[in-house]
Amino acid sequence: MTALWIAHVKVTDPEAYGRYARIASEVIPAHGGVWLARGGAYVQLEGAERSRQVVARFPSLAAAEACYRSPEYQAALDHARGAAERELVLVEELPA
């Protein structure tokens, strides 16, 4: 089953977070991720507001988790630490 990578982000240091985003923009597709949403318009209905929403589809939950745990993504994530408040969840999609 495919899986979604869903991140809700409030950027606090745009320069550092920009470095993360540039690296992650290459790492996620290299691990099979396909961008579905990256910071577009949104409507906050519940919960803590995060100004940036990111969604990517992966071939499987295992592929999404492997991407997150990869040395390449962890190197990108080093730039996001302290530069944003983030929530990230990986979830299996229902079959079509």
C-alpha atoms as a PDB file:
ATOM      1  CA  MET A   1       0.000   0.000   0.000  1.00  0.00           C
ATOM      2  CA  THR A   2       1.154   3.527  -0.709  1.00  0.00           C
ATOM      3  CA  ALA A   3       1.824   5.898   2.168  1.00  0.00           C
ATOM      4  CA  LEU A   4       1.641   9.633   2.757  1.00  0.00           C
ATOM      5  CA  TRP A   5       4.314  11.779   4.390  1.00  0.00           C
ATOM      6  CA  ILE A   6       2.424  14.672   6.005  1.00  0.00           C
ATOM      7  CA  ALA A   7       4.285  17.572   7.603  1.00  0.00           C
ATOM      8  CA  HIS A   8       2.886  20.669   9.299  1.00  0.00           C
ATOM      9  CA  VAL A   9       5.577  23.313   9.728  1.00  0.00           C
ATOM     10  CA  LYS A  10       5.978  26.762  11.260  1.00  0.00           C
ATOM     11  CA  VAL A  11       9.268  28.177   9.986  1.00  0.00           C
ATOM     12  CA  THR A  12      11.154  30.265  12.560  1.00  0.00           C
ATOM     13  CA  ASP A  13      14.471  30.662  10.684  1.00  0.00           C
ATOM     14  CA  PRO A  14      13.794  30.972   6.938  1.00  0.00           C
ATOM     15  CA  GLU A  15      17.457  30.871   5.922  1.00  0.00           C
ATOM     16  CA  ALA A  16      18.274  27.634   7.776  1.00  0.00           C
ATOM     17  CA  TYR A  17      14.961  26.061   6.806  1.00  0.00           C
ATOM     18  CA  GLY A  18      15.616  26.985   3.186  1.00  0.00           C
ATOM     19  CA  ARG A  19      18.805  24.902   3.312  1.00  0.00           C
ATOM     20  CA  TYR A  20      16.762  21.968   4.647  1.00  0.00           C
ATOM     21  CA  ALA A  21      14.126  22.410   1.925  1.00  0.00           C
ATOM     22  CA  ARG A  22      16.697  22.503  -0.902  1.00  0.00           C
ATOM     23  CA  ILE A  23      18.263  19.229   0.234  1.00  0.00           C
ATOM     24  CA  ALA A  24      14.968  17.500   1.090  1.00  0.00           C
ATOM     25  CA  SER A  25      13.585  18.503  -2.323  1.00  0.00           C
ATOM     26  CA  GLU A  26      16.076  16.110  -3.881  1.00  0.00           C
ATOM     27  CA  VAL A  27      16.217  13.407  -1.189  1.00  0.00           C
ATOM     28  CA  ILE A  28      12.492  12.683  -0.974  1.00  0.00           C
ATOM     29  CA  PRO A  29      12.034  12.001  -4.732  1.00  0.00           C
ATOM     30  CA  ALA A  30      15.266   9.968  -4.739  1.00  0.00           C
ATOM     31  CA  HIS A  31      13.564   7.647  -2.232  1.00  0.00           C
ATOM     32  CA  GLY A  32      10.404   7.284  -4.314  1.00  0.00           C
ATOM     33  CA  GLY A  33       8.442  10.224  -2.885  1.00  0.00           C
ATOM     34  CA  VAL A  34       6.142  12.228  -5.162  1.00  0.00           C
ATOM     35  CA  TRP A  35       5.152  15.746  -4.079  1.00  0.00           C
ATOM     36  CA  LEU A  36       1.407  16.301  -3.673  1.00  0.00           C
ATOM     37  CA  ALA A  37       1.468  19.601  -1.730  1.00  0.00           C
ATOM     38  CA  ARG A  38       4.274  21.954  -0.741  1.00  0.00           C
ATOM     39  CA  GLY A  39       3.289  25.131   1.044  1.00  0.00           C
ATOM     40  CA  GLY A  40       0.232  26.074  -1.003  1.00  0.00           C
ATOM     41  CA  ALA A  41      -3.005  27.637   0.173  1.00  0.00           C
ATOM     42  CA  TYR A  42      -4.719  25.966   3.118  1.00  0.00           C
ATOM     43  CA  VAL A  43      -7.556  26.455   5.603  1.00  0.00           C
ATOM     44  CA  GLN A  44      -6.764  25.838   9.282  1.00  0.00           C
ATOM     45  CA  LEU A  45      -9.834  24.306  10.921  1.00  0.00           C
ATOM     46  CA  GLU A  46      -8.448  22.716  14.092  1.00  0.00           C
ATOM     47  CA  GLY A  47      -5.233  22.420  16.071  1.00  0.00           C
ATOM     48  CA  ALA A  48      -2.088  24.497  16.194  1.00  0.00           C
ATOM     49  CA  GLU A  49      -1.581  26.561  13.066  1.00  0.00           C
ATOM     50  CA  ARG A  50       1.494  25.754  11.017  1.00  0.00           C
ATOM     51  CA  SER A  51       1.943  27.995   7.983  1.00  0.00           C
ATOM     52  CA  ARG A  52       3.505  25.342   5.732  1.00  0.00           C
ATOM     53  CA  GLN A  53       1.850  22.048   4.796  1.00  0.00           C
ATOM     54  CA  VAL A  54       3.781  19.363   2.919  1.00  0.00           C
ATOM     55  CA  VAL A  55       2.440  16.069   1.564  1.00  0.00           C
ATOM     56  CA  ALA A  56       4.339  13.438  -0.423  1.00  0.00           C
ATOM     57  CA  ARG A  57       3.241   9.974  -1.548  1.00  0.00           C
ATOM     58  CA  PHE A  58       5.617   7.008  -1.228  1.00  0.00           C
ATOM     59  CA  PRO A  59       5.289   3.489  -2.652  1.00  0.00           C
ATOM     60  CA  SER A  60       4.948   2.105   0.895  1.00  0.00           C
ATOM     61  CA  LEU A  61       5.122   3.014   4.570  1.00  0.00           C
ATOM     62  CA  ALA A  62       8.489   1.248   4.724  1.00  0.00           C
ATOM     63  CA  ALA A  63       9.833   3.392   1.851  1.00  0.00           C
ATOM     64  CA  ALA A  64       8.712   6.603   3.560  1.00  0.00           C
ATOM     65  CA  GLU A  65      10.282   5.579   6.848  1.00  0.00           C
ATOM     66  CA  ALA A  66      13.499   4.501   5.104  1.00  0.00           C
ATOM     67  CA  CYS A  67      13.676   7.943   3.495  1.00  0.00           C
ATOM     68  CA  TYR A  68      13.263   9.655   6.868  1.00  0.00           C
ATOM     69  CA  ARG A  69      15.930   7.502   8.490  1.00  0.00           C
ATOM     70  CA  SER A  70      18.374   7.773   5.560  1.00  0.00           C
ATOM     71  CA  PRO A  71      21.682   9.556   6.136  1.00  0.00           C
ATOM     72  CA  GLU A  72      20.810  11.989   3.331  1.00  0.00           C
ATOM     73  CA  TYR A  73      17.517  13.053   4.897  1.00  0.00           C
ATOM     74  CA  GLN A  74      19.025  13.233   8.379  1.00  0.00           C
ATOM     75  CA  ALA A  75      21.698  15.580   6.987  1.00  0.00           C
ATOM     76  CA  ALA A  76      18.917  17.790   5.568  1.00  0.00           C
ATOM     77  CA  LEU A  77      17.021  17.617   8.846  1.00  0.00           C
ATOM     78  CA  ASP A  78      20.043  19.017  10.683  1.00  0.00           C
ATOM     79  CA  HIS A  79      19.208  22.367   9.038  1.00  0.00           C
ATOM     80  CA  ALA A  80      15.539  22.224  10.127  1.00  0.00           C
ATOM     81  CA  ARG A  81      16.287  21.548  13.783  1.00  0.00           C
ATOM     82  CA  GLY A  82      15.901  24.810  15.626  1.00  0.00           C
ATOM     83  CA  ALA A  83      14.671  26.498  12.434  1.00  0.00           C
ATOM     84  CA  ALA A  84      11.061  25.321  12.591  1.00  0.00           C
ATOM     85  CA  GLU A  85       8.326  23.825  14.714  1.00  0.00           C
ATOM     86  CA  ARG A  86       7.383  20.631  12.888  1.00  0.00           C
ATOM     87  CA  GLU A  87       4.992  17.762  13.092  1.00  0.00           C
ATOM     88  CA  LEU A  88       5.497  14.825  10.748  1.00  0.00           C
ATOM     89  CA  VAL A  89       3.426  11.686  10.338  1.00  0.00           C
ATOM     90  CA  LEU A  90       3.650   8.793   7.900  1.00  0.00           C
ATOM     91  CA  VAL A  91       0.342   7.049   7.176  1.00  0.00           C
ATOM     92  CA  GLU A  92      -0.752   4.259   4.840  1.00  0.00           C
ATOM     93  CA  GLU A  93      -3.263   5.223   2.198  1.00  0.00           C
ATOM     94  CA  LEU A  94      -6.436   3.258   1.701  1.00  0.00           C
ATOM     95  CA  PRO A  95      -6.554   1.163  -1.474  1.00  0.00           C
ATOM     96  CA  ALA A  96      -8.208   2.977  -4.404  1.00  0.00           C
END
